[in-house]
Amino acid sequence: MADVPYSWLGEDPYTGAPKLYEAIGAAWTPAEAARLNGVVARPAGTRPHTYDLARYGLTRAGVEAAFAGYNALRAEVDRP
């Protein structure tokens, strides 16, 4: 599991995507770079993400409880 800032991909995907591949030990090849060009060129909002916890038998309260320690650590680390 690699926990990387979303900004790596959102702000500068041409730098962030290769960093993500490196973080998980994968090779960044010209084929991945070519696919990235297509993703970046796609207009925003053309592929919206929708999530439903119930699909996986989860509740918001259960997820918040399970990740409480992680979220507290992240809040501490991300603090300016």
C-alpha atoms as a PDB file:
ATOM      1  CA  MET A   1       0.000   0.000   0.000  1.00  0.00           C
ATOM      2  CA  ALA A   2       1.327   3.414  -0.911  1.00  0.00           C
ATOM      3  CA  ASP A   3      -0.141   6.534   0.638  1.00  0.00           C
ATOM      4  CA  VAL A   4       0.683   9.443  -1.651  1.00  0.00           C
ATOM      5  CA  PRO A   5      -0.693  12.978  -1.750  1.00  0.00           C
ATOM      6  CA  TYR A   6      -3.478  13.419  -4.295  1.00  0.00           C
ATOM      7  CA  SER A   7      -1.697  16.601  -5.357  1.00  0.00           C
ATOM      8  CA  TRP A   8       1.021  14.428  -6.935  1.00  0.00           C
ATOM      9  CA  LEU A   9      -1.493  13.490  -9.592  1.00  0.00           C
ATOM     10  CA  GLY A  10      -3.858  16.440  -9.594  1.00  0.00           C
ATOM     11  CA  GLU A  11      -1.397  19.315  -9.799  1.00  0.00           C
ATOM     12  CA  ASP A  12       1.378  17.839 -11.943  1.00  0.00           C
ATOM     13  CA  PRO A  13       0.531  14.363 -13.227  1.00  0.00           C
ATOM     14  CA  TYR A  14       3.617  14.201 -15.454  1.00  0.00           C
ATOM     15  CA  THR A  15       5.815  14.347 -12.356  1.00  0.00           C
ATOM     16  CA  GLY A  16       3.445  12.689  -9.903  1.00  0.00           C
ATOM     17  CA  ALA A  17       2.497   9.572 -11.848  1.00  0.00           C
ATOM     18  CA  PRO A  18       6.112   8.405 -12.267  1.00  0.00           C
ATOM     19  CA  LYS A  19       6.695   9.120  -8.553  1.00  0.00           C
ATOM     20  CA  LEU A  20       3.675   6.973  -7.706  1.00  0.00           C
ATOM     21  CA  TYR A  21       4.987   4.120  -9.848  1.00  0.00           C
ATOM     22  CA  GLU A  22       8.363   4.420  -8.125  1.00  0.00           C
ATOM     23  CA  ALA A  23       6.697   4.383  -4.692  1.00  0.00           C
ATOM     24  CA  ILE A  24       5.069   1.026  -5.450  1.00  0.00           C
ATOM     25  CA  GLY A  25       8.103  -0.435  -7.196  1.00  0.00           C
ATOM     26  CA  ALA A  26       6.603  -0.420 -10.704  1.00  0.00           C
ATOM     27  CA  ALA A  27       8.354   0.578 -13.919  1.00  0.00           C
ATOM     28  CA  TRP A  28       7.255   3.811 -15.606  1.00  0.00           C
ATOM     29  CA  THR A  29       7.514   3.088 -19.324  1.00  0.00           C
ATOM     30  CA  PRO A  30       6.728   4.997 -22.509  1.00  0.00           C
ATOM     31  CA  ALA A  31       3.446   3.044 -22.688  1.00  0.00           C
ATOM     32  CA  GLU A  32       2.359   4.430 -19.298  1.00  0.00           C
ATOM     33  CA  ALA A  33       3.413   7.921 -20.368  1.00  0.00           C
ATOM     34  CA  ALA A  34       1.333   7.616 -23.547  1.00  0.00           C
ATOM     35  CA  ARG A  35      -1.737   6.539 -21.572  1.00  0.00           C
ATOM     36  CA  LEU A  36      -1.240   9.474 -19.218  1.00  0.00           C
ATOM     37  CA  ASN A  37      -1.433  11.877 -22.154  1.00  0.00           C
ATOM     38  CA  GLY A  38      -4.917  10.564 -22.939  1.00  0.00           C
ATOM     39  CA  VAL A  39      -6.087  10.819 -19.342  1.00  0.00           C
ATOM     40  CA  VAL A  40      -4.783  14.362 -18.956  1.00  0.00           C
ATOM     41  CA  ALA A  41      -6.381  15.414 -22.256  1.00  0.00           C
ATOM     42  CA  ARG A  42      -9.819  14.125 -21.186  1.00  0.00           C
ATOM     43  CA  PRO A  43     -12.090  17.013 -20.180  1.00  0.00           C
ATOM     44  CA  ALA A  44     -12.724  17.326 -16.465  1.00  0.00           C
ATOM     45  CA  GLY A  45     -15.925  15.747 -15.256  1.00  0.00           C
ATOM     46  CA  THR A  46     -16.292  13.298 -18.131  1.00  0.00           C
ATOM     47  CA  ARG A  47     -15.734  10.323 -15.841  1.00  0.00           C
ATOM     48  CA  PRO A  48     -17.142  11.165 -12.436  1.00  0.00           C
ATOM     49  CA  HIS A  49     -16.298   8.927  -9.525  1.00  0.00           C
ATOM     50  CA  THR A  50     -19.134   7.643  -7.398  1.00  0.00           C
ATOM     51  CA  TYR A  51     -18.704   5.571  -4.300  1.00  0.00           C
ATOM     52  CA  ASP A  52     -21.230   3.726  -2.184  1.00  0.00           C
ATOM     53  CA  LEU A  53     -20.018   2.207   1.081  1.00  0.00           C
ATOM     54  CA  ALA A  54     -23.139   0.067   1.310  1.00  0.00           C
ATOM     55  CA  ARG A  55     -22.020  -1.810  -1.807  1.00  0.00           C
ATOM     56  CA  TYR A  56     -19.240  -3.262   0.338  1.00  0.00           C
ATOM     57  CA  GLY A  57     -21.317  -3.716   3.475  1.00  0.00           C
ATOM     58  CA  LEU A  58     -19.741  -0.684   5.153  1.00  0.00           C
ATOM     59  CA  THR A  59     -21.092   2.328   6.982  1.00  0.00           C
ATOM     60  CA  ARG A  60     -19.569   5.784   7.311  1.00  0.00           C
ATOM     61  CA  ALA A  61     -19.354   5.365  11.104  1.00  0.00           C
ATOM     62  CA  GLY A  62     -17.576   2.027  10.723  1.00  0.00           C
ATOM     63  CA  VAL A  63     -15.041   3.415   8.263  1.00  0.00           C
ATOM     64  CA  GLU A  64     -14.396   6.460  10.454  1.00  0.00           C
ATOM     65  CA  ALA A  65     -13.843   4.212  13.470  1.00  0.00           C
ATOM     66  CA  ALA A  66     -11.503   1.902  11.551  1.00  0.00           C
ATOM     67  CA  PHE A  67      -9.375   4.796  10.275  1.00  0.00           C
ATOM     68  CA  ALA A  68      -9.508   7.029  13.360  1.00  0.00           C
ATOM     69  CA  GLY A  69      -5.846   6.458  14.244  1.00  0.00           C
ATOM     70  CA  TYR A  70      -4.674   6.937  10.672  1.00  0.00           C
ATOM     71  CA  ASN A  71      -6.719  10.118  10.250  1.00  0.00           C
ATOM     72  CA  ALA A  72      -5.322  11.545  13.498  1.00  0.00           C
ATOM     73  CA  LEU A  73      -1.774  10.804  12.334  1.00  0.00           C
ATOM     74  CA  ARG A  74      -2.448  12.290   8.914  1.00  0.00           C
ATOM     75  CA  ALA A  75      -3.908  15.441  10.476  1.00  0.00           C
ATOM     76  CA  GLU A  76      -0.758  15.827  12.555  1.00  0.00           C
ATOM     77  CA  VAL A  77       1.586  15.269   9.614  1.00  0.00           C
ATOM     78  CA  ASP A  78      -0.388  17.472   7.207  1.00  0.00           C
ATOM     79  CA  ARG A  79      -0.614  20.360   9.666  1.00  0.00           C
ATOM     80  CA  PRO A  80       1.091  23.494   8.245  1.00  0.00           C
END
